[in-house]
């Protein structure tokens, strides 16, 4: 899933795997099966601030944030059970 983030008024395009995006949507209690692209982009834009260094640094920062947000075994199990 391609997300267009706005961090400190600066655009940043980030590509996120669909499974990772789904896990983050579960973490944020977003509706299942809904188009959550805008909500995810808004959340990551807020959590990615402030803008520091360059775009590559910011992409790594966003990916680290994603890992921290979804690294919960209960969350992963909840996601897997919903698909089954």
PDB file of N, CA and C in Angstrom:
ATOM      1  N   UNK A   1       0.845  -1.158   0.000  1.00  0.00           N
ATOM      2  CA  UNK A   1       0.000   0.000   0.000  1.00  0.00           C
ATOM      3  C   UNK A   1       0.903   1.238   0.000  1.00  0.00           C
ATOM      4  N   UNK A   2       0.624   2.137  -0.905  1.00  0.00           N
ATOM      5  CA  UNK A   2       1.390   3.376  -0.968  1.00  0.00           C
ATOM      6  C   UNK A   2       0.674   4.423  -0.122  1.00  0.00           C
ATOM      7  N   UNK A   3       1.422   5.020   0.805  1.00  0.00           N
ATOM      8  CA  UNK A   3       0.869   6.059   1.661  1.00  0.00           C
ATOM      9  C   UNK A   3       1.591   7.368   1.381  1.00  0.00           C
ATOM     10  N   UNK A   4       0.838   8.430   1.344  1.00  0.00           N
ATOM     11  CA  UNK A   4       1.387   9.770   1.161  1.00  0.00           C
ATOM     12  C   UNK A   4       1.295  10.491   2.497  1.00  0.00           C
ATOM     13  N   UNK A   5       2.426  10.606   3.178  1.00  0.00           N
ATOM     14  CA  UNK A   5       2.461  11.251   4.482  1.00  0.00           C
ATOM     15  C   UNK A   5       2.810  12.723   4.328  1.00  0.00           C
ATOM     16  N   UNK A   6       2.367  13.517   5.283  1.00  0.00           N
ATOM     17  CA  UNK A   6       2.742  14.929   5.366  1.00  0.00           C
ATOM     18  C   UNK A   6       3.301  15.132   6.768  1.00  0.00           C
ATOM     19  N   UNK A   7       4.613  15.324   6.857  1.00  0.00           N
ATOM     20  CA  UNK A   7       5.296  15.493   8.134  1.00  0.00           C
ATOM     21  C   UNK A   7       5.901  16.894   8.150  1.00  0.00           C
ATOM     22  N   UNK A   8       5.448  17.703   9.086  1.00  0.00           N
ATOM     23  CA  UNK A   8       5.918  19.096   9.165  1.00  0.00           C
ATOM     24  C   UNK A   8       5.794  19.796   7.811  1.00  0.00           C
ATOM     25  N   UNK A   9       4.654  19.635   7.177  1.00  0.00           N
ATOM     26  CA  UNK A   9       4.330  20.254   5.882  1.00  0.00           C
ATOM     27  C   UNK A   9       5.186  19.750   4.724  1.00  0.00           C
ATOM     28  N   UNK A  10       5.895  18.647   4.925  1.00  0.00           N
ATOM     29  CA  UNK A  10       6.726  18.069   3.852  1.00  0.00           C
ATOM     30  C   UNK A  10       6.154  16.719   3.449  1.00  0.00           C
ATOM     31  N   UNK A  11       5.978  16.477   2.144  1.00  0.00           N
ATOM     32  CA  UNK A  11       5.433  15.193   1.690  1.00  0.00           C
ATOM     33  C   UNK A  11       6.476  14.076   1.771  1.00  0.00           C
ATOM     34  N   UNK A  12       5.992  12.877   2.069  1.00  0.00           N
ATOM     35  CA  UNK A  12       6.848  11.697   2.091  1.00  0.00           C
ATOM     36  C   UNK A  12       6.026  10.505   1.625  1.00  0.00           C
ATOM     37  N   UNK A  13       6.442   9.883   0.530  1.00  0.00           N
ATOM     38  CA  UNK A  13       5.777   8.675   0.034  1.00  0.00           C
ATOM     39  C   UNK A  13       6.426   7.462   0.672  1.00  0.00           C
ATOM     40  N   UNK A  14       5.583   6.584   1.212  1.00  0.00           N
ATOM     41  CA  UNK A  14       6.053   5.377   1.883  1.00  0.00           C
ATOM     42  C   UNK A  14       5.268   4.188   1.354  1.00  0.00           C
ATOM     43  N   UNK A  15       5.965   3.111   1.033  1.00  0.00           N
ATOM     44  CA  UNK A  15       5.322   1.864   0.603  1.00  0.00           C
ATOM     45  C   UNK A  15       5.272   0.918   1.793  1.00  0.00           C
ATOM     46  N   UNK A  16       4.060   0.452   2.136  1.00  0.00           N
ATOM     47  CA  UNK A  16       3.864  -0.428   3.281  1.00  0.00           C
ATOM     48  C   UNK A  16       3.185  -1.703   2.785  1.00  0.00           C
ATOM     49  N   UNK A  17       3.709  -2.841   3.198  1.00  0.00           N
ATOM     50  CA  UNK A  17       3.110  -4.124   2.853  1.00  0.00           C
ATOM     51  C   UNK A  17       1.663  -4.161   3.340  1.00  0.00           C
ATOM     52  N   UNK A  18       0.776  -4.800   2.583  1.00  0.00           N
ATOM     53  CA  UNK A  18      -0.642  -4.851   2.937  1.00  0.00           C
ATOM     54  C   UNK A  18      -0.889  -5.534   4.282  1.00  0.00           C
ATOM     55  N   UNK A  19      -0.105  -6.564   4.590  1.00  0.00           N
ATOM     56  CA  UNK A  19      -0.275  -7.254   5.881  1.00  0.00           C
ATOM     57  C   UNK A  19       0.100  -6.320   7.026  1.00  0.00           C
ATOM     58  N   UNK A  20       1.186  -5.584   6.854  1.00  0.00           N
ATOM     59  CA  UNK A  20       1.610  -4.625   7.881  1.00  0.00           C
ATOM     60  C   UNK A  20       0.550  -3.534   8.036  1.00  0.00           C
ATOM     61  N   UNK A  21       0.024  -3.046   6.924  1.00  0.00           N
ATOM     62  CA  UNK A  21      -1.027  -2.031   6.977  1.00  0.00           C
ATOM     63  C   UNK A  21      -2.266  -2.576   7.683  1.00  0.00           C
ATOM     64  N   UNK A  22      -2.612  -3.836   7.422  1.00  0.00           N
ATOM     65  CA  UNK A  22      -3.764  -4.453   8.092  1.00  0.00           C
ATOM     66  C   UNK A  22      -3.538  -4.591   9.593  1.00  0.00           C
ATOM     67  N   UNK A  23      -2.343  -4.970   9.978  1.00  0.00           N
ATOM     68  CA  UNK A  23      -2.028  -5.084  11.405  1.00  0.00           C
ATOM     69  C   UNK A  23      -2.095  -3.721  12.097  1.00  0.00           C
ATOM     70  N   UNK A  24      -1.618  -2.696  11.439  1.00  0.00           N
ATOM     71  CA  UNK A  24      -1.702  -1.358  12.023  1.00  0.00           C
ATOM     72  C   UNK A  24      -3.155  -0.919  12.121  1.00  0.00           C
ATOM     73  N   UNK A  25      -3.965  -1.234  11.128  1.00  0.00           N
ATOM     74  CA  UNK A  25      -5.391  -0.897  11.176  1.00  0.00           C
ATOM     75  C   UNK A  25      -6.070  -1.579  12.356  1.00  0.00           C
ATOM     76  N   UNK A  26      -5.709  -2.838  12.618  1.00  0.00           N
ATOM     77  CA  UNK A  26      -6.254  -3.543  13.781  1.00  0.00           C
ATOM     78  C   UNK A  26      -5.816  -2.844  15.058  1.00  0.00           C
ATOM     79  N   UNK A  27      -4.543  -2.477  15.139  1.00  0.00           N
ATOM     80  CA  UNK A  27      -4.000  -1.790  16.313  1.00  0.00           C
ATOM     81  C   UNK A  27      -4.759  -0.485  16.583  1.00  0.00           C
ATOM     82  N   UNK A  28      -5.149   0.203  15.501  1.00  0.00           N
ATOM     83  CA  UNK A  28      -5.842   1.487  15.630  1.00  0.00           C
ATOM     84  C   UNK A  28      -7.354   1.336  15.722  1.00  0.00           C
ATOM     85  N   UNK A  29      -7.831   0.096  15.761  1.00  0.00           N
ATOM     86  CA  UNK A  29      -9.267  -0.198  15.821  1.00  0.00           C
ATOM     87  C   UNK A  29     -10.045   0.415  14.665  1.00  0.00           C
ATOM     88  N   UNK A  30      -9.468   0.381  13.483  1.00  0.00           N
ATOM     89  CA  UNK A  30     -10.151   0.861  12.292  1.00  0.00           C
ATOM     90  C   UNK A  30     -11.068  -0.243  11.773  1.00  0.00           C
ATOM     91  N   UNK A  31     -12.129   0.102  11.085  1.00  0.00           N
ATOM     92  CA  UNK A  31     -13.072  -0.908  10.596  1.00  0.00           C
ATOM     93  C   UNK A  31     -12.416  -1.911   9.652  1.00  0.00           C
ATOM     94  N   UNK A  32     -12.729  -3.180   9.844  1.00  0.00           N
ATOM     95  CA  UNK A  32     -12.180  -4.242   8.996  1.00  0.00           C
ATOM     96  C   UNK A  32     -12.727  -4.102   7.584  1.00  0.00           C
ATOM     97  N   UNK A  33     -11.842  -4.310   6.618  1.00  0.00           N
ATOM     98  CA  UNK A  33     -12.242  -4.288   5.216  1.00  0.00           C
ATOM     99  C   UNK A  33     -12.473  -2.899   4.648  1.00  0.00           C
ATOM    100  N   UNK A  34     -12.379  -1.890   5.477  1.00  0.00           N
ATOM    101  CA  UNK A  34     -12.597  -0.520   4.991  1.00  0.00           C
ATOM    102  C   UNK A  34     -11.322   0.012   4.351  1.00  0.00           C
ATOM    103  N   UNK A  35     -11.482   1.025   3.553  1.00  0.00           N
ATOM    104  CA  UNK A  35     -10.325   1.704   2.963  1.00  0.00           C
ATOM    105  C   UNK A  35      -9.752   2.623   4.031  1.00  0.00           C
ATOM    106  N   UNK A  36      -8.633   2.204   4.599  1.00  0.00           N
ATOM    107  CA  UNK A  36      -8.040   2.911   5.732  1.00  0.00           C
ATOM    108  C   UNK A  36      -6.796   3.717   5.360  1.00  0.00           C
ATOM    109  N   UNK A  37      -6.543   3.876   4.103  1.00  0.00           N
ATOM    110  CA  UNK A  37      -5.326   4.538   3.645  1.00  0.00           C
ATOM    111  C   UNK A  37      -5.159   5.932   4.273  1.00  0.00           C
ATOM    112  N   UNK A  38      -6.217   6.736   4.264  1.00  0.00           N
ATOM    113  CA  UNK A  38      -6.110   8.099   4.802  1.00  0.00           C
ATOM    114  C   UNK A  38      -5.865   8.092   6.310  1.00  0.00           C
ATOM    115  N   UNK A  39      -6.551   7.200   7.024  1.00  0.00           N
ATOM    116  CA  UNK A  39      -6.369   7.121   8.480  1.00  0.00           C
ATOM    117  C   UNK A  39      -4.958   6.666   8.834  1.00  0.00           C
ATOM    118  N   UNK A  40      -4.441   5.690   8.101  1.00  0.00           N
ATOM    119  CA  UNK A  40      -3.079   5.214   8.350  1.00  0.00           C
ATOM    120  C   UNK A  40      -2.057   6.298   8.025  1.00  0.00           C
ATOM    121  N   UNK A  41      -2.248   6.995   6.920  1.00  0.00           N
ATOM    122  CA  UNK A  41      -1.328   8.069   6.540  1.00  0.00           C
ATOM    123  C   UNK A  41      -1.344   9.188   7.574  1.00  0.00           C
ATOM    124  N   UNK A  42      -2.518   9.522   8.062  1.00  0.00           N
ATOM    125  CA  UNK A  42      -2.630  10.566   9.079  1.00  0.00           C
ATOM    126  C   UNK A  42      -1.923  10.160  10.364  1.00  0.00           C
ATOM    127  N   UNK A  43      -2.143   8.925  10.795  1.00  0.00           N
ATOM    128  CA  UNK A  43      -1.506   8.424  12.014  1.00  0.00           C
ATOM    129  C   UNK A  43       0.017   8.433  11.891  1.00  0.00           C
ATOM    130  N   UNK A  44       0.517   7.900  10.791  1.00  0.00           N
ATOM    131  CA  UNK A  44       1.972   7.832  10.605  1.00  0.00           C
ATOM    132  C   UNK A  44       2.594   9.215  10.405  1.00  0.00           C
ATOM    133  N   UNK A  45       1.850  10.123   9.785  1.00  0.00           N
ATOM    134  CA  UNK A  45       2.347  11.491   9.644  1.00  0.00           C
ATOM    135  C   UNK A  45       2.532  12.137  11.009  1.00  0.00           C
ATOM    136  N   UNK A  46       1.552  11.936  11.864  1.00  0.00           N
ATOM    137  CA  UNK A  46       1.622  12.502  13.217  1.00  0.00           C
ATOM    138  C   UNK A  46       2.753  11.873  14.026  1.00  0.00           C
ATOM    139  N   UNK A  47       2.874  10.567  13.959  1.00  0.00           N
ATOM    140  CA  UNK A  47       3.892   9.858  14.741  1.00  0.00           C
ATOM    141  C   UNK A  47       5.296  10.037  14.178  1.00  0.00           C
ATOM    142  N   UNK A  48       5.407  10.402  12.909  1.00  0.00           N
ATOM    143  CA  UNK A  48       6.708  10.574  12.283  1.00  0.00           C
ATOM    144  C   UNK A  48       7.370  11.906  12.579  1.00  0.00           C
ATOM    145  N   UNK A  49       6.596  12.862  13.041  1.00  0.00           N
ATOM    146  CA  UNK A  49       7.141  14.204  13.307  1.00  0.00           C
ATOM    147  C   UNK A  49       8.096  14.169  14.484  1.00  0.00           C
ATOM    148  N   UNK A  50       9.044  15.041  14.530  1.00  0.00           N
ATOM    149  CA  UNK A  50       9.368  16.095  13.590  1.00  0.00           C
ATOM    150  C   UNK A  50      10.249  15.585  12.458  1.00  0.00           C
ATOM    151  N   UNK A  51      10.244  16.320  11.361  1.00  0.00           N
ATOM    152  CA  UNK A  51      11.079  15.976  10.216  1.00  0.00           C
ATOM    153  C   UNK A  51      12.536  16.243  10.580  1.00  0.00           C
ATOM    154  N   UNK A  52      13.367  15.244  10.386  1.00  0.00           N
ATOM    155  CA  UNK A  52      14.805  15.407  10.617  1.00  0.00           C
ATOM    156  C   UNK A  52      15.560  14.784   9.454  1.00  0.00           C
ATOM    157  N   UNK A  53      16.687  15.329   9.162  1.00  0.00           N
ATOM    158  CA  UNK A  53      17.582  14.838   8.117  1.00  0.00           C
ATOM    159  C   UNK A  53      16.896  14.768   6.767  1.00  0.00           C
ATOM    160  N   UNK A  54      16.984  13.609   6.085  1.00  0.00           N
ATOM    161  CA  UNK A  54      16.491  13.511   4.709  1.00  0.00           C
ATOM    162  C   UNK A  54      15.337  12.511   4.603  1.00  0.00           C
ATOM    163  N   UNK A  55      14.824  12.347   3.374  1.00  0.00           N
ATOM    164  CA  UNK A  55      13.678  11.458   3.147  1.00  0.00           C
ATOM    165  C   UNK A  55      13.984  10.013   3.532  1.00  0.00           C
ATOM    166  N   UNK A  56      15.174   9.536   3.218  1.00  0.00           N
ATOM    167  CA  UNK A  56      15.513   8.136   3.537  1.00  0.00           C
ATOM    168  C   UNK A  56      15.518   7.905   5.045  1.00  0.00           C
ATOM    169  N   UNK A  57      16.044   8.855   5.787  1.00  0.00           N
ATOM    170  CA  UNK A  57      16.014   8.762   7.251  1.00  0.00           C
ATOM    171  C   UNK A  57      14.566   8.716   7.755  1.00  0.00           C
ATOM    172  N   UNK A  58      13.719   9.542   7.171  1.00  0.00           N
ATOM    173  CA  UNK A  58      12.320   9.581   7.604  1.00  0.00           C
ATOM    174  C   UNK A  58      11.599   8.278   7.254  1.00  0.00           C
ATOM    175  N   UNK A  59      11.894   7.696   6.109  1.00  0.00           N
ATOM    176  CA  UNK A  59      11.275   6.406   5.763  1.00  0.00           C
ATOM    177  C   UNK A  59      11.678   5.330   6.779  1.00  0.00           C
ATOM    178  N   UNK A  60      12.963   5.305   7.146  1.00  0.00           N
ATOM    179  CA  UNK A  60      13.423   4.333   8.149  1.00  0.00           C
ATOM    180  C   UNK A  60      12.736   4.589   9.492  1.00  0.00           C
ATOM    181  N   UNK A  61      12.569   5.844   9.850  1.00  0.00           N
ATOM    182  CA  UNK A  61      11.886   6.184  11.106  1.00  0.00           C
ATOM    183  C   UNK A  61      10.438   5.669  11.095  1.00  0.00           C
ATOM    184  N   UNK A  62       9.746   5.869   9.974  1.00  0.00           N
ATOM    185  CA  UNK A  62       8.359   5.407   9.860  1.00  0.00           C
ATOM    186  C   UNK A  62       8.309   3.884   9.938  1.00  0.00           C
ATOM    187  N   UNK A  63       9.228   3.190   9.270  1.00  0.00           N
ATOM    188  CA  UNK A  63       9.235   1.727   9.315  1.00  0.00           C
ATOM    189  C   UNK A  63       9.524   1.211  10.725  1.00  0.00           C
ATOM    190  N   UNK A  64      10.429   1.871  11.440  1.00  0.00           N
ATOM    191  CA  UNK A  64      10.673   1.484  12.837  1.00  0.00           C
ATOM    192  C   UNK A  64       9.416   1.683  13.673  1.00  0.00           C
ATOM    193  N   UNK A  65       8.704   2.759  13.429  1.00  0.00           N
ATOM    194  CA  UNK A  65       7.464   3.021  14.160  1.00  0.00           C
ATOM    195  C   UNK A  65       6.434   1.937  13.865  1.00  0.00           C
ATOM    196  N   UNK A  66       6.338   1.525  12.622  1.00  0.00           N
ATOM    197  CA  UNK A  66       5.414   0.444  12.261  1.00  0.00           C
ATOM    198  C   UNK A  66       5.748  -0.839  13.007  1.00  0.00           C
ATOM    199  N   UNK A  67       7.014  -1.191  13.052  1.00  0.00           N
ATOM    200  CA  UNK A  67       7.433  -2.410  13.748  1.00  0.00           C
ATOM    201  C   UNK A  67       7.035  -2.328  15.223  1.00  0.00           C
ATOM    202  N   UNK A  68       7.298  -1.207  15.851  1.00  0.00           N
ATOM    203  CA  UNK A  68       6.951  -1.050  17.265  1.00  0.00           C
ATOM    204  C   UNK A  68       5.446  -1.114  17.492  1.00  0.00           C
ATOM    205  N   UNK A  69       4.678  -0.552  16.581  1.00  0.00           N
ATOM    206  CA  UNK A  69       3.222  -0.536  16.736  1.00  0.00           C
ATOM    207  C   UNK A  69       2.578  -1.904  16.538  1.00  0.00           C
ATOM    208  N   UNK A  70       3.169  -2.734  15.688  1.00  0.00           N
ATOM    209  CA  UNK A  70       2.514  -4.017  15.398  1.00  0.00           C
ATOM    210  C   UNK A  70       3.210  -5.206  16.049  1.00  0.00           C
ATOM    211  N   UNK A  71       4.287  -4.993  16.791  1.00  0.00           N
ATOM    212  CA  UNK A  71       5.038  -6.095  17.406  1.00  0.00           C
ATOM    213  C   UNK A  71       4.351  -6.556  18.689  1.00  0.00           C
ATOM    214  N   UNK A  72       3.136  -7.008  18.567  1.00  0.00           N
ATOM    215  CA  UNK A  72       2.349  -7.470  19.703  1.00  0.00           C
ATOM    216  C   UNK A  72       1.738  -8.818  19.307  1.00  0.00           C
ATOM    217  N   UNK A  73       2.151  -9.914  19.965  1.00  0.00           N
ATOM    218  CA  UNK A  73       1.641 -11.238  19.584  1.00  0.00           C
ATOM    219  C   UNK A  73       0.114 -11.336  19.633  1.00  0.00           C
ATOM    220  N   UNK A  74      -0.516 -10.678  20.582  1.00  0.00           N
ATOM    221  CA  UNK A  74      -1.978 -10.709  20.680  1.00  0.00           C
ATOM    222  C   UNK A  74      -2.593 -10.041  19.451  1.00  0.00           C
ATOM    223  N   UNK A  75      -2.010  -8.954  19.017  1.00  0.00           N
ATOM    224  CA  UNK A  75      -2.497  -8.249  17.836  1.00  0.00           C
ATOM    225  C   UNK A  75      -2.384  -9.132  16.599  1.00  0.00           C
ATOM    226  N   UNK A  76      -1.258  -9.799  16.439  1.00  0.00           N
ATOM    227  CA  UNK A  76      -1.054 -10.676  15.289  1.00  0.00           C
ATOM    228  C   UNK A  76      -2.072 -11.824  15.310  1.00  0.00           C
ATOM    229  N   UNK A  77      -2.283 -12.427  16.463  1.00  0.00           N
ATOM    230  CA  UNK A  77      -3.260 -13.521  16.572  1.00  0.00           C
ATOM    231  C   UNK A  77      -4.672 -13.023  16.262  1.00  0.00           C
ATOM    232  N   UNK A  78      -5.020 -11.842  16.745  1.00  0.00           N
ATOM    233  CA  UNK A  78      -6.345 -11.275  16.473  1.00  0.00           C
ATOM    234  C   UNK A  78      -6.542 -11.069  14.974  1.00  0.00           C
ATOM    235  N   UNK A  79      -5.496 -10.602  14.309  1.00  0.00           N
ATOM    236  CA  UNK A  79      -5.558 -10.401  12.864  1.00  0.00           C
ATOM    237  C   UNK A  79      -5.715 -11.738  12.134  1.00  0.00           C
ATOM    238  N   UNK A  80      -4.962 -12.731  12.536  1.00  0.00           N
ATOM    239  CA  UNK A  80      -5.032 -14.046  11.888  1.00  0.00           C
ATOM    240  C   UNK A  80      -6.379 -14.716  12.118  1.00  0.00           C
ATOM    241  N   UNK A  81      -6.942 -14.567  13.295  1.00  0.00           N
ATOM    242  CA  UNK A  81      -8.232 -15.166  13.604  1.00  0.00           C
ATOM    243  C   UNK A  81      -9.344 -14.495  12.796  1.00  0.00           C
ATOM    244  N   UNK A  82      -9.231 -13.199  12.549  1.00  0.00           N
ATOM    245  CA  UNK A  82     -10.254 -12.477  11.789  1.00  0.00           C
ATOM    246  C   UNK A  82     -10.277 -12.938  10.333  1.00  0.00           C
ATOM    247  N   UNK A  83      -9.123 -13.324   9.791  1.00  0.00           N
ATOM    248  CA  UNK A  83      -9.057 -13.769   8.407  1.00  0.00           C
ATOM    249  C   UNK A  83      -9.603 -15.175   8.217  1.00  0.00           C
ATOM    250  N   UNK A  84      -9.568 -15.970   9.267  1.00  0.00           N
ATOM    251  CA  UNK A  84      -9.958 -17.371   9.167  1.00  0.00           C
ATOM    252  C   UNK A  84     -11.396 -17.555   9.203  1.00  0.00           C
TER     253      UNK A  84
END
